[in-house]
Amino acid sequence: MVQRHPDTLTREASAGELLGAHLAGVSAQFLRALRSREQNETAASDALSASARRISAALHTYEPLVDAAWARTLRTELAWLGGTLSLERRLTVQLARVHAALHRLAANAPQGADSAADGADTADDGTPDASDVSAAPDAAASAKAKADAAPAPMAIGAARAGALLERQLTLARTRAHSATLSAFGSARFHAVADSVALLASDLPFTADAGAPAAEALAPLAERARLRLADEAALLPLPEAGYPHDHHALNATLAEAPDGTHAQDAPWHRVRELLRVARYAQEVLGGTPPGGDDPARLRTASHALDRHREAAEAARAVAAAARTPRITPATAYALGVLHADQRAEVEAARHAFGRLWQRTSTAPTAAAPTAAAPTGTAPAPAPAP
């Protein structure tokens, strides 16, 4: 993240100067990450994806200060690049998450009774054989010991479920890695890299970029904050305030065939707008009047990141459960794992709801009253 002194807006600087300095700093981070690919490809991909998101978010929020057509074209290309580079990491996180959850659930599963446990021998008519009556206590004790030692259904199916998920997610991750390598070698990527490199010296500013930063940047950042607040107000935060939300459970039972949940989409949307608001404040170099505390935004963003990771893991488990001809034990383990990940989704909503409702009711400074620069504000759109 580009760091600036907190009094950035109090100095005599134009909006174009501050926006240009921010984009130049993020562009330098992008190019450094590109040069470091040979040393650590995974870290470089993560850094490139993060830089692409920051540039895209800044161009979206402050679009009235630059040429709109140019900004939208570059944002489209950055969205493609960020999505391509981040997919492999997301699949890696899913695989690690389901493995850890399966290990935890199998370790905590109660031992089950063996339905095929041996008992005393019986005669053809079902009565105990007289020769074995004396041995019946020993046979019963042996059967009980076998029942106590028999593995639970979760323990039986966890290994097979883990192997099934590993095969499917590893295949998807391999394809994502191939797509990343293909993207790095494409003319499209080199065109994006060239455009990012030019951000340090060749930005197509509009006339509004010559206005003082406090008058031009702060109102646009406030618009991003208000869009986030409006979208968050539509979330069922009172229900999310309970660790176990029966409304969300009912929605889970009505899951779509592709494993998606209708209730997840608004939360993902808030996550994207939260990221845009965070990156908009980075351009300002601090917390503007009426703005949100950066630490609060980071904490809320982390909660929604966990929400998305758990939701995607649950969707992957649901896809694995639709595999033909899996054993009942495997299906049982996948069902328990899916319920566990949906519980993680609800826990993340609970954490976000508590944070957001607590801080939203706190008094804040008055929002800036300066008019926004001339031009139509861009329609809300998520960062890549």
Protein backbone atom coordinates (compact mmCIF):
# COMPACT_ATOMS: atom_id res chain seq x y z
CA MET A 1 0.00 0.00 0.00
CA VAL A 2 1.26 3.48 -0.83
CA GLN A 3 1.85 5.38 2.42
CA ARG A 4 1.46 9.14 2.84
CA HIS A 5 1.51 11.64 5.61
CA PRO A 6 -1.94 11.99 7.26
CA ASP A 7 -2.18 15.67 6.33
CA THR A 8 -2.16 14.97 2.61
CA LEU A 9 -5.38 16.90 1.98
CA THR A 10 -4.25 19.94 3.93
CA ARG A 11 -1.31 20.68 1.63
CA GLU A 12 -1.64 22.76 -1.50
CA ALA A 13 -1.84 19.98 -4.09
CA SER A 14 -4.22 19.35 -6.93
CA ALA A 15 -6.38 16.26 -7.15
CA GLY A 16 -4.48 15.17 -10.25
CA GLU A 17 -1.15 15.37 -8.45
CA LEU A 18 -2.27 13.18 -5.58
CA LEU A 19 -4.11 10.67 -7.76
CA GLY A 20 -1.14 10.52 -10.13
CA ALA A 21 1.30 9.97 -7.25
CA HIS A 22 -0.86 7.16 -5.86
CA LEU A 23 -1.20 5.42 -9.21
CA ALA A 24 2.52 5.83 -9.87
CA GLY A 25 3.28 4.12 -6.54
CA VAL A 26 0.94 1.21 -7.22
CA SER A 27 2.32 0.95 -10.77
CA ALA A 28 5.83 0.63 -9.32
CA GLN A 29 4.62 -2.17 -7.03
CA PHE A 30 3.07 -3.92 -10.04
CA LEU A 31 6.32 -3.75 -12.02
CA ARG A 32 8.43 -4.92 -9.06
CA ALA A 33 6.15 -7.93 -8.62
CA LEU A 34 6.42 -8.68 -12.32
CA ARG A 35 10.22 -8.71 -12.12
CA SER A 36 10.14 -11.03 -9.08
CA ARG A 37 8.19 -13.82 -10.77
CA GLU A 38 11.29 -15.96 -11.25
CA GLN A 39 12.10 -15.88 -7.52
CA ASN A 40 8.60 -16.58 -6.17
CA GLU A 41 5.86 -17.07 -8.70
CA THR A 42 3.03 -17.42 -6.17
CA ALA A 43 3.95 -14.28 -4.22
CA ALA A 44 4.41 -12.35 -7.46
CA SER A 45 0.97 -13.40 -8.71
CA ASP A 46 -0.61 -12.32 -5.43
CA ALA A 47 1.15 -8.93 -5.57
CA LEU A 48 0.19 -8.39 -9.21
CA SER A 49 -3.43 -9.23 -8.46
CA ALA A 50 -3.49 -6.85 -5.47
CA SER A 51 -1.96 -4.03 -7.51
CA ALA A 52 -4.47 -4.60 -10.30
CA ARG A 53 -7.34 -4.36 -7.79
CA ARG A 54 -5.99 -1.11 -6.33
CA ILE A 55 -5.55 0.54 -9.70
CA SER A 56 -8.99 -0.57 -10.86
CA ALA A 57 -10.65 0.67 -7.67
CA ALA A 58 -8.92 4.06 -7.87
CA LEU A 59 -9.92 4.51 -11.51
CA HIS A 60 -13.50 3.55 -10.65
CA THR A 61 -13.85 5.90 -7.69
CA TYR A 62 -12.05 8.85 -9.26
CA GLU A 63 -13.24 8.32 -12.83
CA PRO A 64 -14.51 11.94 -13.19
CA LEU A 65 -10.88 13.09 -12.94
CA VAL A 66 -9.61 11.00 -15.88
CA ASP A 67 -10.79 10.13 -19.36
CA ALA A 68 -13.79 7.84 -18.76
CA ALA A 69 -13.38 5.65 -21.87
CA TRP A 70 -9.70 5.07 -21.16
CA ALA A 71 -10.39 4.26 -17.50
CA ARG A 72 -13.14 1.76 -18.27
CA THR A 73 -11.03 -0.01 -20.88
CA LEU A 74 -8.10 -0.37 -18.50
CA ARG A 75 -10.38 -1.49 -15.67
CA THR A 76 -11.80 -4.24 -17.88
CA GLU A 77 -8.31 -5.52 -18.64
CA LEU A 78 -7.27 -5.31 -14.98
CA ALA A 79 -10.38 -7.25 -13.98
CA TRP A 80 -9.40 -10.01 -16.42
CA LEU A 81 -5.84 -10.08 -15.10
CA GLY A 82 -6.79 -9.98 -11.42
CA GLY A 83 -9.39 -12.70 -11.83
CA THR A 84 -7.01 -14.96 -13.74
CA LEU A 85 -4.14 -14.56 -11.29
CA SER A 86 -6.25 -14.94 -8.13
CA LEU A 87 -8.10 -18.12 -9.12
CA GLU A 88 -5.22 -20.48 -8.38
CA ARG A 89 -4.74 -19.01 -4.92
CA ARG A 90 -8.46 -19.23 -4.15
CA LEU A 91 -8.48 -22.92 -5.08
CA THR A 92 -5.41 -23.50 -2.91
CA VAL A 93 -7.20 -21.87 0.02
CA GLN A 94 -10.29 -24.03 -0.61
CA LEU A 95 -8.24 -27.23 -0.59
CA ALA A 96 -6.42 -26.31 2.62
CA ARG A 97 -9.71 -25.29 4.26
CA VAL A 98 -11.58 -28.52 3.47
CA HIS A 99 -8.63 -30.68 4.50
CA ALA A 100 -8.34 -28.91 7.85
CA ALA A 101 -12.10 -29.12 8.42
CA LEU A 102 -12.25 -32.82 7.57
CA HIS A 103 -9.37 -33.58 9.93
CA ARG A 104 -11.05 -31.63 12.73
CA LEU A 105 -14.47 -33.19 12.16
CA ALA A 106 -13.10 -36.74 11.93
CA ALA A 107 -11.04 -36.28 15.10
CA ASN A 108 -14.06 -35.02 17.02
CA ALA A 109 -16.53 -37.59 15.68
CA PRO A 110 -17.94 -40.03 18.30
CA GLN A 111 -17.17 -43.70 17.91
CA GLY A 112 -20.05 -45.66 16.40
CA ALA A 113 -21.43 -49.12 16.97
CA ASP A 114 -20.51 -51.90 14.58
CA SER A 115 -23.74 -53.17 13.11
CA ALA A 116 -21.98 -56.35 12.05
CA ALA A 117 -20.58 -57.14 15.48
CA ASP A 118 -20.38 -60.82 16.25
CA GLY A 119 -22.55 -62.31 19.03
CA ALA A 120 -23.09 -65.74 20.54
CA ASP A 121 -23.70 -68.64 18.20
CA THR A 122 -27.36 -69.54 17.74
CA ALA A 123 -29.14 -72.65 16.70
CA ASP A 124 -31.14 -72.87 13.50
CA ASP A 125 -34.31 -71.87 15.41
CA GLY A 126 -32.64 -68.74 16.74
CA THR A 127 -32.11 -69.95 20.32
CA PRO A 128 -28.60 -70.00 21.81
CA ASP A 129 -26.71 -73.25 21.42
CA ALA A 130 -26.46 -75.02 24.78
CA SER A 131 -22.75 -75.64 24.33
CA ASP A 132 -22.13 -71.92 24.01
CA VAL A 133 -24.24 -70.67 26.93
CA SER A 134 -21.23 -70.61 29.20
CA ALA A 135 -19.27 -68.61 26.62
CA ALA A 136 -22.00 -66.04 26.12
CA PRO A 137 -20.62 -63.47 28.61
CA ASP A 138 -17.22 -63.57 26.92
CA ALA A 139 -18.78 -63.24 23.46
CA ALA A 140 -20.92 -60.30 24.59
CA ALA A 141 -17.88 -58.54 26.04
CA SER A 142 -15.96 -59.12 22.82
CA ALA A 143 -18.85 -57.75 20.74
CA LYS A 144 -19.06 -54.66 22.94
CA ALA A 145 -15.32 -54.08 22.59
CA LYS A 146 -15.62 -54.32 18.81
CA ALA A 147 -18.53 -51.89 18.81
CA ASP A 148 -16.58 -49.41 20.93
CA ALA A 149 -13.59 -49.68 18.62
CA ALA A 150 -15.59 -49.40 15.40
CA PRO A 151 -14.93 -46.14 13.54
CA ALA A 152 -17.71 -43.58 13.23
CA PRO A 153 -19.27 -42.99 9.80
CA MET A 154 -17.48 -39.61 9.67
CA ALA A 155 -14.11 -41.26 10.25
CA ILE A 156 -14.84 -43.87 7.57
CA GLY A 157 -15.87 -41.36 4.92
CA ALA A 158 -13.49 -38.50 5.78
CA ALA A 159 -10.49 -40.06 4.06
CA ARG A 160 -12.46 -40.84 0.90
CA ALA A 161 -14.13 -37.43 0.90
CA GLY A 162 -10.73 -35.77 1.32
CA ALA A 163 -9.28 -37.76 -1.55
CA LEU A 164 -12.25 -36.90 -3.79
CA LEU A 165 -12.01 -33.19 -2.99
CA GLU A 166 -8.26 -33.21 -3.48
CA ARG A 167 -8.61 -34.76 -6.92
CA GLN A 168 -11.24 -32.27 -8.03
CA LEU A 169 -9.65 -29.15 -6.55
CA THR A 170 -6.14 -30.13 -7.65
CA LEU A 171 -7.40 -30.59 -11.20
CA ALA A 172 -9.08 -27.18 -11.09
CA ARG A 173 -5.95 -25.61 -9.60
CA THR A 174 -3.78 -27.15 -12.32
CA ARG A 175 -6.06 -25.67 -14.96
CA ALA A 176 -5.94 -22.30 -13.21
CA HIS A 177 -2.14 -22.44 -13.13
CA SER A 178 -2.07 -23.22 -16.83
CA ALA A 179 -4.37 -20.28 -17.48
CA THR A 180 -2.04 -18.04 -15.46
CA LEU A 181 1.01 -19.14 -17.46
CA SER A 182 -0.92 -18.64 -20.69
CA ALA A 183 -1.95 -15.16 -19.55
CA PHE A 184 1.63 -14.17 -18.76
CA GLY A 185 2.70 -15.15 -22.25
CA SER A 186 -0.16 -13.43 -24.05
CA ALA A 187 -0.09 -10.16 -25.95
CA ARG A 188 -3.05 -9.06 -23.85
CA PHE A 189 -1.02 -9.22 -20.65
CA HIS A 190 1.89 -7.31 -22.17
CA ALA A 191 -0.53 -4.61 -23.30
CA VAL A 192 -1.90 -4.34 -19.75
CA ALA A 193 1.63 -4.17 -18.31
CA ASP A 194 2.53 -1.40 -20.74
CA SER A 195 -0.60 0.54 -19.77
CA VAL A 196 0.21 0.16 -16.06
CA ALA A 197 3.79 1.32 -16.64
CA LEU A 198 2.49 4.49 -18.30
CA LEU A 199 0.45 5.38 -15.21
CA ALA A 200 3.58 6.96 -13.74
CA SER A 201 3.88 9.54 -16.48
CA ASP A 202 0.94 9.61 -18.87
CA LEU A 203 -2.47 9.95 -17.25
CA PRO A 204 -5.30 11.43 -19.34
CA PHE A 205 -6.64 13.85 -16.73
CA THR A 206 -9.75 15.96 -17.21
CA ALA A 207 -10.03 19.62 -16.28
CA ASP A 208 -11.50 18.66 -12.90
CA ALA A 209 -8.16 17.13 -11.89
CA GLY A 210 -6.71 20.62 -11.50
CA ALA A 211 -9.00 21.39 -8.55
CA PRO A 212 -7.60 21.26 -5.00
CA ALA A 213 -7.43 17.74 -3.65
CA ALA A 214 -9.66 18.50 -0.68
CA GLU A 215 -12.41 19.72 -3.00
CA ALA A 216 -12.15 17.08 -5.72
CA LEU A 217 -11.01 13.82 -4.08
CA ALA A 218 -12.85 13.82 -0.76
CA PRO A 219 -16.40 14.03 -2.21
CA LEU A 220 -15.70 11.13 -4.56
CA ALA A 221 -14.32 9.02 -1.72
CA GLU A 222 -17.42 9.93 0.28
CA ARG A 223 -19.61 8.63 -2.55
CA ALA A 224 -17.81 5.30 -2.36
CA ARG A 225 -18.35 5.21 1.40
CA LEU A 226 -22.05 6.01 1.05
CA ARG A 227 -22.53 3.30 -1.58
CA LEU A 228 -20.98 0.84 0.86
CA ALA A 229 -23.19 2.06 3.71
CA ASP A 230 -26.34 1.82 1.58
CA GLU A 231 -25.52 -1.71 0.44
CA ALA A 232 -24.61 -2.84 3.95
CA ALA A 233 -27.92 -1.44 5.22
CA LEU A 234 -29.71 -3.96 2.96
CA LEU A 235 -28.02 -6.93 4.63
CA PRO A 236 -30.02 -8.90 7.24
CA LEU A 237 -27.68 -7.72 9.99
CA PRO A 238 -30.19 -8.26 12.85
CA GLU A 239 -30.49 -11.93 11.87
CA ALA A 240 -26.72 -12.16 11.32
CA GLY A 241 -26.31 -10.94 14.89
CA TYR A 242 -27.14 -14.46 16.05
CA PRO A 243 -24.41 -17.11 15.72
CA HIS A 244 -26.95 -19.63 14.37
CA ASP A 245 -29.34 -17.95 11.93
CA HIS A 246 -32.36 -20.17 11.20
CA HIS A 247 -33.35 -17.92 8.27
CA ALA A 248 -30.01 -18.61 6.62
CA LEU A 249 -30.40 -22.32 7.40
CA ASN A 250 -33.73 -22.39 5.59
CA ALA A 251 -32.11 -20.66 2.63
CA THR A 252 -29.32 -23.24 2.70
CA LEU A 253 -31.88 -26.04 2.39
CA ALA A 254 -33.12 -24.33 -0.78
CA GLU A 255 -29.67 -24.36 -2.35
CA ALA A 256 -29.45 -23.90 -6.12
CA PRO A 257 -28.39 -26.89 -8.26
CA ASP A 258 -24.94 -25.37 -8.86
CA GLY A 259 -24.24 -25.12 -5.14
CA THR A 260 -24.71 -21.35 -4.89
CA HIS A 261 -26.78 -19.62 -2.23
CA ALA A 262 -28.99 -16.67 -3.00
CA GLN A 263 -28.18 -15.14 0.38
CA ASP A 264 -24.43 -15.06 -0.36
CA ALA A 265 -24.59 -12.60 -3.27
CA PRO A 266 -25.43 -9.44 -1.24
CA TRP A 267 -22.59 -10.21 1.17
CA HIS A 268 -20.15 -10.67 -1.69
CA ARG A 269 -21.34 -7.36 -3.11
CA VAL A 270 -20.68 -5.57 0.19
CA ARG A 271 -17.23 -7.15 0.29
CA GLU A 272 -16.42 -5.70 -3.12
CA LEU A 273 -17.73 -2.24 -2.21
CA LEU A 274 -15.81 -2.38 1.07
CA ARG A 275 -12.62 -3.00 -0.86
CA VAL A 276 -13.38 -0.07 -3.18
CA ALA A 277 -13.95 2.22 -0.18
CA ARG A 278 -10.70 1.10 1.44
CA TYR A 279 -8.67 1.73 -1.69
CA ALA A 280 -10.35 5.10 -2.21
CA GLN A 281 -9.14 6.21 1.23
CA GLU A 282 -5.60 5.11 0.39
CA VAL A 283 -5.50 7.80 -2.30
CA LEU A 284 -6.36 10.42 0.34
CA GLY A 285 -3.49 9.29 2.54
CA GLY A 286 -5.55 9.11 5.72
CA THR A 287 -9.06 9.25 7.13
CA PRO A 288 -11.03 12.11 5.55
CA PRO A 289 -13.65 14.07 7.54
CA GLY A 290 -16.64 11.79 8.02
CA GLY A 291 -14.68 8.81 6.70
CA ASP A 292 -14.32 5.35 8.21
CA ASP A 293 -11.43 4.25 10.36
CA PRO A 294 -9.03 2.27 8.12
CA ALA A 295 -8.52 -0.33 10.86
CA ARG A 296 -12.28 -0.86 11.06
CA LEU A 297 -12.49 -1.31 7.30
CA ARG A 298 -9.64 -3.83 7.33
CA THR A 299 -11.25 -5.87 10.11
CA ALA A 300 -14.62 -5.87 8.36
CA SER A 301 -12.92 -6.82 5.09
CA HIS A 302 -11.18 -9.77 6.74
CA ALA A 303 -14.52 -11.02 8.07
CA LEU A 304 -16.06 -10.90 4.60
CA ASP A 305 -12.97 -12.57 3.13
CA ARG A 306 -13.58 -15.49 5.50
CA HIS A 307 -17.23 -15.43 4.45
CA ARG A 308 -16.34 -15.83 0.80
CA GLU A 309 -13.73 -18.52 1.46
CA ALA A 310 -16.21 -20.60 3.48
CA ALA A 311 -18.97 -20.09 0.92
CA GLU A 312 -16.69 -21.19 -1.92
CA ALA A 313 -15.52 -24.21 0.07
CA ALA A 314 -19.13 -25.21 0.72
CA ARG A 315 -19.88 -24.89 -2.98
CA ALA A 316 -16.90 -27.13 -3.83
CA VAL A 317 -18.11 -29.72 -1.32
CA ALA A 318 -21.61 -29.61 -2.79
CA ALA A 319 -20.14 -30.20 -6.26
CA ALA A 320 -18.17 -33.19 -4.96
CA ALA A 321 -21.30 -34.63 -3.35
CA ARG A 322 -22.95 -34.75 -6.78
CA THR A 323 -20.24 -37.12 -8.04
CA PRO A 324 -21.92 -40.34 -9.27
CA ARG A 325 -21.51 -43.62 -7.41
CA ILE A 326 -19.88 -42.34 -4.23
CA THR A 327 -20.26 -44.53 -1.15
CA PRO A 328 -22.78 -43.68 1.60
CA ALA A 329 -19.92 -43.03 4.04
CA THR A 330 -18.34 -40.55 1.63
CA ALA A 331 -21.67 -38.83 1.05
CA TYR A 332 -22.21 -38.62 4.81
CA ALA A 333 -18.78 -37.04 5.36
CA LEU A 334 -19.37 -34.54 2.56
CA GLY A 335 -22.73 -33.63 4.06
CA VAL A 336 -21.20 -32.98 7.47
CA LEU A 337 -18.40 -30.96 5.86
CA HIS A 338 -20.87 -28.88 3.86
CA ALA A 339 -22.86 -28.08 6.99
CA ASP A 340 -19.63 -27.16 8.78
CA GLN A 341 -18.61 -24.70 6.06
CA ARG A 342 -22.06 -23.12 5.97
CA ALA A 343 -21.73 -22.70 9.74
CA GLU A 344 -18.44 -20.90 9.06
CA VAL A 345 -20.32 -18.64 6.65
CA GLU A 346 -22.80 -17.75 9.39
CA ALA A 347 -19.97 -17.16 11.87
CA ALA A 348 -18.33 -14.71 9.47
CA ARG A 349 -21.64 -12.89 8.98
CA HIS A 350 -22.07 -12.75 12.73
CA ALA A 351 -18.60 -11.23 13.17
CA PHE A 352 -19.18 -8.65 10.43
CA GLY A 353 -22.65 -7.79 11.71
CA ARG A 354 -21.43 -7.15 15.25
CA LEU A 355 -18.58 -4.95 14.03
CA TRP A 356 -20.64 -3.01 11.51
CA GLN A 357 -23.63 -2.37 13.75
CA ARG A 358 -21.46 -1.34 16.69
CA THR A 359 -19.40 1.15 14.68
CA SER A 360 -22.29 2.39 12.55
CA THR A 361 -24.10 3.64 15.64
CA ALA A 362 -21.03 5.55 16.86
CA PRO A 363 -21.07 9.32 16.21
CA THR A 364 -19.04 10.44 13.22
CA ALA A 365 -17.81 13.78 12.04
CA ALA A 366 -19.84 15.68 9.51
CA ALA A 367 -19.31 14.61 5.94
CA PRO A 368 -17.64 17.08 3.55
CA THR A 369 -20.09 19.44 1.92
CA ALA A 370 -17.97 20.40 -1.07
CA ALA A 371 -19.59 19.67 -4.39
CA ALA A 372 -18.24 16.85 -6.47
CA PRO A 373 -16.40 17.69 -9.70
CA THR A 374 -18.35 18.23 -12.85
CA GLY A 375 -19.34 15.04 -14.56
CA THR A 376 -21.54 12.04 -13.99
CA ALA A 377 -20.42 9.70 -11.24
CA PRO A 378 -19.63 6.19 -12.45
CA ALA A 379 -22.13 3.47 -11.70
CA PRO A 380 -21.10 1.21 -8.81
CA ALA A 381 -18.99 -1.68 -9.98
CA PRO A 382 -16.96 -4.18 -8.00
CA ALA A 383 -13.21 -4.22 -8.05
CA PRO A 384 -11.77 -7.31 -9.71
